[in-house]
Amino acid sequence: MDNESVRIPEVVLVSSDGRKMPVLGMGTSASPLEGSDETKTAILQAIEIGHRHFDTATLYLTEEPLGEAISEALSRGLIKSRDELFVTSKLWCSDAHGDLVLPALKKSLRYNNIRFY
């Protein structure tokens, strides 16, 4: 089966500029919870075959390998822009306190190669 025949369902984001987001995201959680070079390699291979939506969380310890994979995908030309990817992450309950929310979100954004202002 060639990459041209594989189609992942997409949905138009109502609140966006009309870009289509894949309905299915590649989950990055593993047991035991740990980020690794294997995680980064799996994500790079997923990008290479066309995945554009990734699911992560601070608890999974995969935000940093995901960000590294995104950087490498950009440098290898697998994607032209970070804007081609969708990353869903979670604010973990231990960070859901007024003074911890913003620092936790900024850390997630930084790991996932998303600029914040």
N, C-alpha and C. Protein backbone atom coordinates (compact mmCIF):
# COMPACT_ATOMS: atom_id res chain seq x y z
N MET A 1 0.85 -1.17 0.00
CA MET A 1 0.00 0.00 0.00
C MET A 1 0.90 1.24 0.00
N ASP A 2 0.73 2.14 -0.92
CA ASP A 2 1.54 3.35 -0.96
C ASP A 2 0.89 4.45 -0.10
N ASN A 3 1.70 5.46 0.24
CA ASN A 3 1.22 6.55 1.09
C ASN A 3 0.06 7.32 0.48
N GLU A 4 -0.04 7.31 -0.83
CA GLU A 4 -1.11 8.05 -1.51
C GLU A 4 -2.48 7.45 -1.21
N SER A 5 -2.55 6.14 -0.94
CA SER A 5 -3.84 5.50 -0.74
C SER A 5 -4.30 5.54 0.72
N VAL A 6 -3.44 5.98 1.63
CA VAL A 6 -3.81 6.05 3.04
C VAL A 6 -4.41 7.42 3.31
N ARG A 7 -5.64 7.44 3.80
CA ARG A 7 -6.31 8.69 4.10
C ARG A 7 -6.79 8.67 5.54
N ILE A 8 -6.39 9.66 6.31
CA ILE A 8 -6.84 9.80 7.68
C ILE A 8 -7.98 10.81 7.66
N PRO A 9 -9.13 10.48 8.26
CA PRO A 9 -10.26 11.42 8.25
C PRO A 9 -9.87 12.77 8.84
N GLU A 10 -10.42 13.84 8.31
CA GLU A 10 -10.14 15.19 8.80
C GLU A 10 -11.44 15.88 9.12
N VAL A 11 -11.33 16.93 9.91
CA VAL A 11 -12.48 17.74 10.27
C VAL A 11 -12.06 19.21 10.15
N VAL A 12 -12.93 20.06 9.66
CA VAL A 12 -12.61 21.48 9.59
C VAL A 12 -12.80 22.08 10.97
N LEU A 13 -11.78 22.75 11.45
CA LEU A 13 -11.86 23.40 12.76
C LEU A 13 -12.72 24.64 12.64
N VAL A 14 -13.76 24.71 13.41
CA VAL A 14 -14.69 25.83 13.35
C VAL A 14 -14.01 27.14 13.75
N SER A 15 -13.14 27.10 14.74
CA SER A 15 -12.54 28.33 15.25
C SER A 15 -11.24 28.71 14.55
N SER A 16 -10.85 27.94 13.55
CA SER A 16 -9.58 28.23 12.89
C SER A 16 -9.79 28.92 11.55
N ASP A 17 -8.73 29.00 10.82
CA ASP A 17 -8.76 29.60 9.49
C ASP A 17 -9.20 28.59 8.42
N GLY A 18 -9.82 27.51 8.86
CA GLY A 18 -10.33 26.52 7.92
C GLY A 18 -9.38 25.38 7.63
N ARG A 19 -8.20 25.39 8.28
CA ARG A 19 -7.29 24.26 8.08
C ARG A 19 -7.95 23.00 8.59
N LYS A 20 -7.64 21.89 7.94
CA LYS A 20 -8.23 20.62 8.33
C LYS A 20 -7.33 19.89 9.32
N MET A 21 -7.94 19.45 10.40
CA MET A 21 -7.23 18.72 11.43
C MET A 21 -7.60 17.24 11.35
N PRO A 22 -6.61 16.34 11.32
CA PRO A 22 -6.93 14.93 11.32
C PRO A 22 -7.74 14.55 12.55
N VAL A 23 -8.75 13.72 12.35
CA VAL A 23 -9.60 13.28 13.45
C VAL A 23 -8.81 12.38 14.40
N LEU A 24 -7.92 11.58 13.86
CA LEU A 24 -7.13 10.66 14.66
C LEU A 24 -5.76 11.25 14.95
N GLY A 25 -5.36 11.19 16.20
CA GLY A 25 -4.03 11.64 16.59
C GLY A 25 -3.21 10.46 17.06
N MET A 26 -1.92 10.51 16.82
CA MET A 26 -1.03 9.46 17.31
C MET A 26 -0.77 9.70 18.78
N GLY A 27 -1.13 8.75 19.61
CA GLY A 27 -0.87 8.86 21.04
C GLY A 27 0.59 8.60 21.33
N THR A 28 1.13 9.31 22.32
CA THR A 28 2.55 9.16 22.64
C THR A 28 2.78 8.58 24.03
N SER A 29 1.73 8.17 24.70
CA SER A 29 1.89 7.57 26.02
C SER A 29 2.42 6.16 25.88
N ALA A 30 3.23 5.75 26.83
CA ALA A 30 3.77 4.39 26.84
C ALA A 30 3.86 3.93 28.28
N SER A 31 4.06 2.65 28.45
CA SER A 31 4.24 2.11 29.79
C SER A 31 5.57 1.37 29.80
N PRO A 32 6.47 1.74 30.67
CA PRO A 32 6.36 2.77 31.69
C PRO A 32 6.40 4.16 31.06
N LEU A 33 5.90 5.14 31.83
CA LEU A 33 5.88 6.51 31.34
C LEU A 33 7.31 7.02 31.25
N GLU A 34 7.76 7.29 30.04
CA GLU A 34 9.10 7.84 29.84
C GLU A 34 9.25 8.32 28.41
N GLY A 35 9.95 9.41 28.25
CA GLY A 35 10.31 9.86 26.92
C GLY A 35 11.61 9.18 26.54
N SER A 36 11.81 8.97 25.26
CA SER A 36 13.02 8.26 24.85
C SER A 36 13.34 8.58 23.40
N ASP A 37 14.51 8.12 22.99
CA ASP A 37 14.88 8.22 21.58
C ASP A 37 13.94 7.38 20.72
N GLU A 38 13.44 6.27 21.27
CA GLU A 38 12.49 5.44 20.54
C GLU A 38 11.20 6.21 20.26
N THR A 39 10.77 7.01 21.25
CA THR A 39 9.57 7.84 21.07
C THR A 39 9.80 8.84 19.95
N LYS A 40 10.94 9.50 19.99
CA LYS A 40 11.29 10.48 18.95
C LYS A 40 11.32 9.82 17.57
N THR A 41 11.94 8.65 17.47
CA THR A 41 12.03 7.94 16.20
C THR A 41 10.65 7.55 15.69
N ALA A 42 9.79 7.06 16.59
CA ALA A 42 8.43 6.67 16.19
C ALA A 42 7.66 7.88 15.66
N ILE A 43 7.81 9.02 16.31
CA ILE A 43 7.12 10.23 15.88
C ILE A 43 7.65 10.69 14.53
N LEU A 44 8.95 10.66 14.34
CA LEU A 44 9.54 11.03 13.05
C LEU A 44 9.02 10.12 11.93
N GLN A 45 8.96 8.83 12.21
CA GLN A 45 8.45 7.89 11.20
C GLN A 45 6.97 8.17 10.91
N ALA A 46 6.22 8.54 11.95
CA ALA A 46 4.80 8.86 11.75
C ALA A 46 4.66 10.11 10.88
N ILE A 47 5.48 11.12 11.13
CA ILE A 47 5.44 12.34 10.30
C ILE A 47 5.80 11.99 8.86
N GLU A 48 6.80 11.14 8.71
CA GLU A 48 7.25 10.76 7.38
C GLU A 48 6.15 10.08 6.56
N ILE A 49 5.30 9.29 7.21
CA ILE A 49 4.24 8.61 6.46
C ILE A 49 2.93 9.41 6.42
N GLY A 50 2.94 10.61 7.03
CA GLY A 50 1.79 11.48 6.86
C GLY A 50 0.99 11.86 8.09
N HIS A 51 1.33 11.33 9.25
CA HIS A 51 0.60 11.74 10.46
C HIS A 51 0.85 13.22 10.72
N ARG A 52 -0.19 13.93 11.12
CA ARG A 52 -0.07 15.36 11.38
C ARG A 52 -0.70 15.78 12.71
N HIS A 53 -1.21 14.82 13.48
CA HIS A 53 -1.85 15.12 14.76
C HIS A 53 -1.25 14.19 15.82
N PHE A 54 -0.74 14.78 16.89
CA PHE A 54 -0.09 14.02 17.95
C PHE A 54 -0.68 14.40 19.30
N ASP A 55 -0.86 13.39 20.14
CA ASP A 55 -1.42 13.59 21.47
C ASP A 55 -0.34 13.30 22.51
N THR A 56 -0.17 14.22 23.45
CA THR A 56 0.86 14.09 24.47
C THR A 56 0.35 14.66 25.79
N ALA A 57 1.16 14.59 26.81
CA ALA A 57 0.85 15.19 28.11
C ALA A 57 2.14 15.29 28.90
N THR A 58 2.18 16.25 29.79
CA THR A 58 3.35 16.39 30.66
C THR A 58 3.63 15.08 31.39
N LEU A 59 2.58 14.44 31.88
CA LEU A 59 2.74 13.20 32.64
C LEU A 59 3.39 12.09 31.80
N TYR A 60 3.13 12.06 30.50
CA TYR A 60 3.68 11.01 29.65
C TYR A 60 5.20 11.12 29.47
N LEU A 61 5.74 12.32 29.74
CA LEU A 61 7.17 12.60 29.53
C LEU A 61 7.56 12.51 28.07
N THR A 62 6.60 12.78 27.18
CA THR A 62 6.87 12.70 25.74
C THR A 62 6.81 14.05 25.04
N GLU A 63 6.54 15.11 25.78
CA GLU A 63 6.49 16.43 25.12
C GLU A 63 7.85 16.81 24.56
N GLU A 64 8.91 16.57 25.31
CA GLU A 64 10.24 16.93 24.83
C GLU A 64 10.67 16.09 23.62
N PRO A 65 10.54 14.75 23.63
CA PRO A 65 10.88 13.99 22.42
C PRO A 65 10.01 14.37 21.23
N LEU A 66 8.75 14.74 21.47
CA LEU A 66 7.88 15.19 20.39
C LEU A 66 8.43 16.47 19.78
N GLY A 67 8.81 17.42 20.64
CA GLY A 67 9.39 18.67 20.15
C GLY A 67 10.68 18.44 19.38
N GLU A 68 11.51 17.53 19.88
CA GLU A 68 12.75 17.20 19.16
C GLU A 68 12.45 16.58 17.80
N ALA A 69 11.45 15.72 17.75
CA ALA A 69 11.07 15.10 16.48
C ALA A 69 10.55 16.16 15.50
N ILE A 70 9.77 17.12 16.01
CA ILE A 70 9.26 18.19 15.16
C ILE A 70 10.43 19.00 14.60
N SER A 71 11.39 19.35 15.45
CA SER A 71 12.57 20.10 14.99
C SER A 71 13.32 19.35 13.90
N GLU A 72 13.51 18.06 14.13
CA GLU A 72 14.22 17.26 13.14
C GLU A 72 13.43 17.12 11.85
N ALA A 73 12.11 16.96 11.97
CA ALA A 73 11.27 16.86 10.77
C ALA A 73 11.37 18.14 9.94
N LEU A 74 11.42 19.28 10.62
CA LEU A 74 11.59 20.55 9.91
C LEU A 74 12.95 20.62 9.22
N SER A 75 14.01 20.24 9.94
CA SER A 75 15.35 20.33 9.36
C SER A 75 15.56 19.33 8.23
N ARG A 76 14.87 18.19 8.27
CA ARG A 76 14.98 17.19 7.21
C ARG A 76 14.02 17.46 6.06
N GLY A 77 13.17 18.46 6.20
CA GLY A 77 12.24 18.80 5.13
C GLY A 77 11.02 17.90 5.06
N LEU A 78 10.76 17.14 6.13
CA LEU A 78 9.57 16.28 6.14
C LEU A 78 8.30 17.11 6.24
N ILE A 79 8.41 18.27 6.87
CA ILE A 79 7.34 19.27 6.91
C ILE A 79 7.97 20.62 6.60
N LYS A 80 7.20 21.51 6.03
CA LYS A 80 7.72 22.83 5.69
C LYS A 80 7.60 23.80 6.85
N SER A 81 6.60 23.59 7.71
CA SER A 81 6.32 24.52 8.79
C SER A 81 5.71 23.77 9.97
N ARG A 82 5.95 24.27 11.16
CA ARG A 82 5.34 23.71 12.37
C ARG A 82 3.81 23.78 12.28
N ASP A 83 3.31 24.74 11.51
CA ASP A 83 1.87 24.93 11.35
C ASP A 83 1.19 23.75 10.65
N GLU A 84 1.95 22.84 10.06
CA GLU A 84 1.37 21.67 9.42
C GLU A 84 0.91 20.62 10.44
N LEU A 85 1.36 20.76 11.68
CA LEU A 85 1.08 19.76 12.70
C LEU A 85 0.08 20.27 13.73
N PHE A 86 -0.66 19.34 14.30
CA PHE A 86 -1.56 19.61 15.41
C PHE A 86 -1.07 18.79 16.59
N VAL A 87 -0.91 19.44 17.73
CA VAL A 87 -0.49 18.75 18.95
C VAL A 87 -1.52 19.02 20.02
N THR A 88 -2.06 17.95 20.58
CA THR A 88 -2.96 18.10 21.72
C THR A 88 -2.19 17.63 22.95
N SER A 89 -2.30 18.40 24.01
CA SER A 89 -1.64 18.07 25.26
C SER A 89 -2.61 18.32 26.39
N LYS A 90 -2.20 18.02 27.59
CA LYS A 90 -3.09 18.17 28.73
C LYS A 90 -2.40 18.90 29.86
N LEU A 91 -3.15 19.76 30.51
CA LEU A 91 -2.69 20.38 31.74
C LEU A 91 -2.96 19.37 32.84
N TRP A 92 -1.90 18.85 33.46
CA TRP A 92 -2.10 17.80 34.45
C TRP A 92 -2.67 18.39 35.73
N CYS A 93 -3.43 17.58 36.46
CA CYS A 93 -4.14 18.06 37.64
C CYS A 93 -3.20 18.66 38.69
N SER A 94 -1.98 18.18 38.77
CA SER A 94 -1.02 18.74 39.74
C SER A 94 -0.62 20.16 39.38
N ASP A 95 -0.83 20.55 38.13
CA ASP A 95 -0.52 21.92 37.68
C ASP A 95 -1.76 22.80 37.59
N ALA A 96 -2.91 22.28 37.96
CA ALA A 96 -4.17 23.02 37.83
C ALA A 96 -4.43 23.90 39.05
N HIS A 97 -3.45 24.70 39.38
CA HIS A 97 -3.55 25.67 40.48
C HIS A 97 -3.14 27.02 39.91
N GLY A 98 -3.83 28.06 40.33
CA GLY A 98 -3.65 29.39 39.74
C GLY A 98 -2.23 29.79 39.41
N ASP A 99 -1.30 29.58 40.32
CA ASP A 99 0.07 30.04 40.10
C ASP A 99 0.89 29.06 39.25
N LEU A 100 0.37 27.88 38.97
CA LEU A 100 1.12 26.88 38.22
C LEU A 100 0.66 26.72 36.77
N VAL A 101 -0.55 27.19 36.47
CA VAL A 101 -1.12 26.97 35.14
C VAL A 101 -0.27 27.58 34.04
N LEU A 102 -0.02 28.86 34.10
CA LEU A 102 0.72 29.53 33.03
C LEU A 102 2.13 28.96 32.86
N PRO A 103 2.91 28.77 33.93
CA PRO A 103 4.24 28.16 33.73
C PRO A 103 4.16 26.76 33.10
N ALA A 104 3.18 25.95 33.49
CA ALA A 104 3.04 24.61 32.94
C ALA A 104 2.69 24.67 31.45
N LEU A 105 1.77 25.56 31.09
CA LEU A 105 1.39 25.70 29.68
C LEU A 105 2.56 26.20 28.83
N LYS A 106 3.31 27.17 29.36
CA LYS A 106 4.46 27.68 28.61
C LYS A 106 5.51 26.59 28.40
N LYS A 107 5.70 25.74 29.40
CA LYS A 107 6.65 24.64 29.28
C LYS A 107 6.20 23.68 28.18
N SER A 108 4.92 23.32 28.17
CA SER A 108 4.39 22.44 27.14
C SER A 108 4.55 23.04 25.75
N LEU A 109 4.23 24.31 25.63
CA LEU A 109 4.36 24.98 24.34
C LEU A 109 5.82 24.99 23.87
N ARG A 110 6.73 25.29 24.79
CA ARG A 110 8.15 25.33 24.44
C ARG A 110 8.62 23.95 23.98
N TYR A 111 8.26 22.90 24.69
CA TYR A 111 8.66 21.55 24.31
C TYR A 111 8.12 21.18 22.94
N ASN A 112 6.95 21.65 22.60
CA ASN A 112 6.31 21.26 21.35
C ASN A 112 6.55 22.24 20.21
N ASN A 113 7.58 23.07 20.36
CA ASN A 113 7.98 24.00 19.30
C ASN A 113 6.88 24.97 18.92
N ILE A 114 6.14 25.44 19.92
CA ILE A 114 5.09 26.42 19.66
C ILE A 114 5.52 27.72 20.30
N ARG A 115 5.52 28.78 19.50
CA ARG A 115 5.88 30.09 20.06
C ARG A 115 4.71 30.62 20.87
N PHE A 116 5.04 31.24 21.98
CA PHE A 116 4.01 31.90 22.78
C PHE A 116 4.48 33.32 23.04
N TYR A 117 3.53 34.18 23.32
CA TYR A 117 3.84 35.60 23.46
C TYR A 117 3.51 36.06 24.85
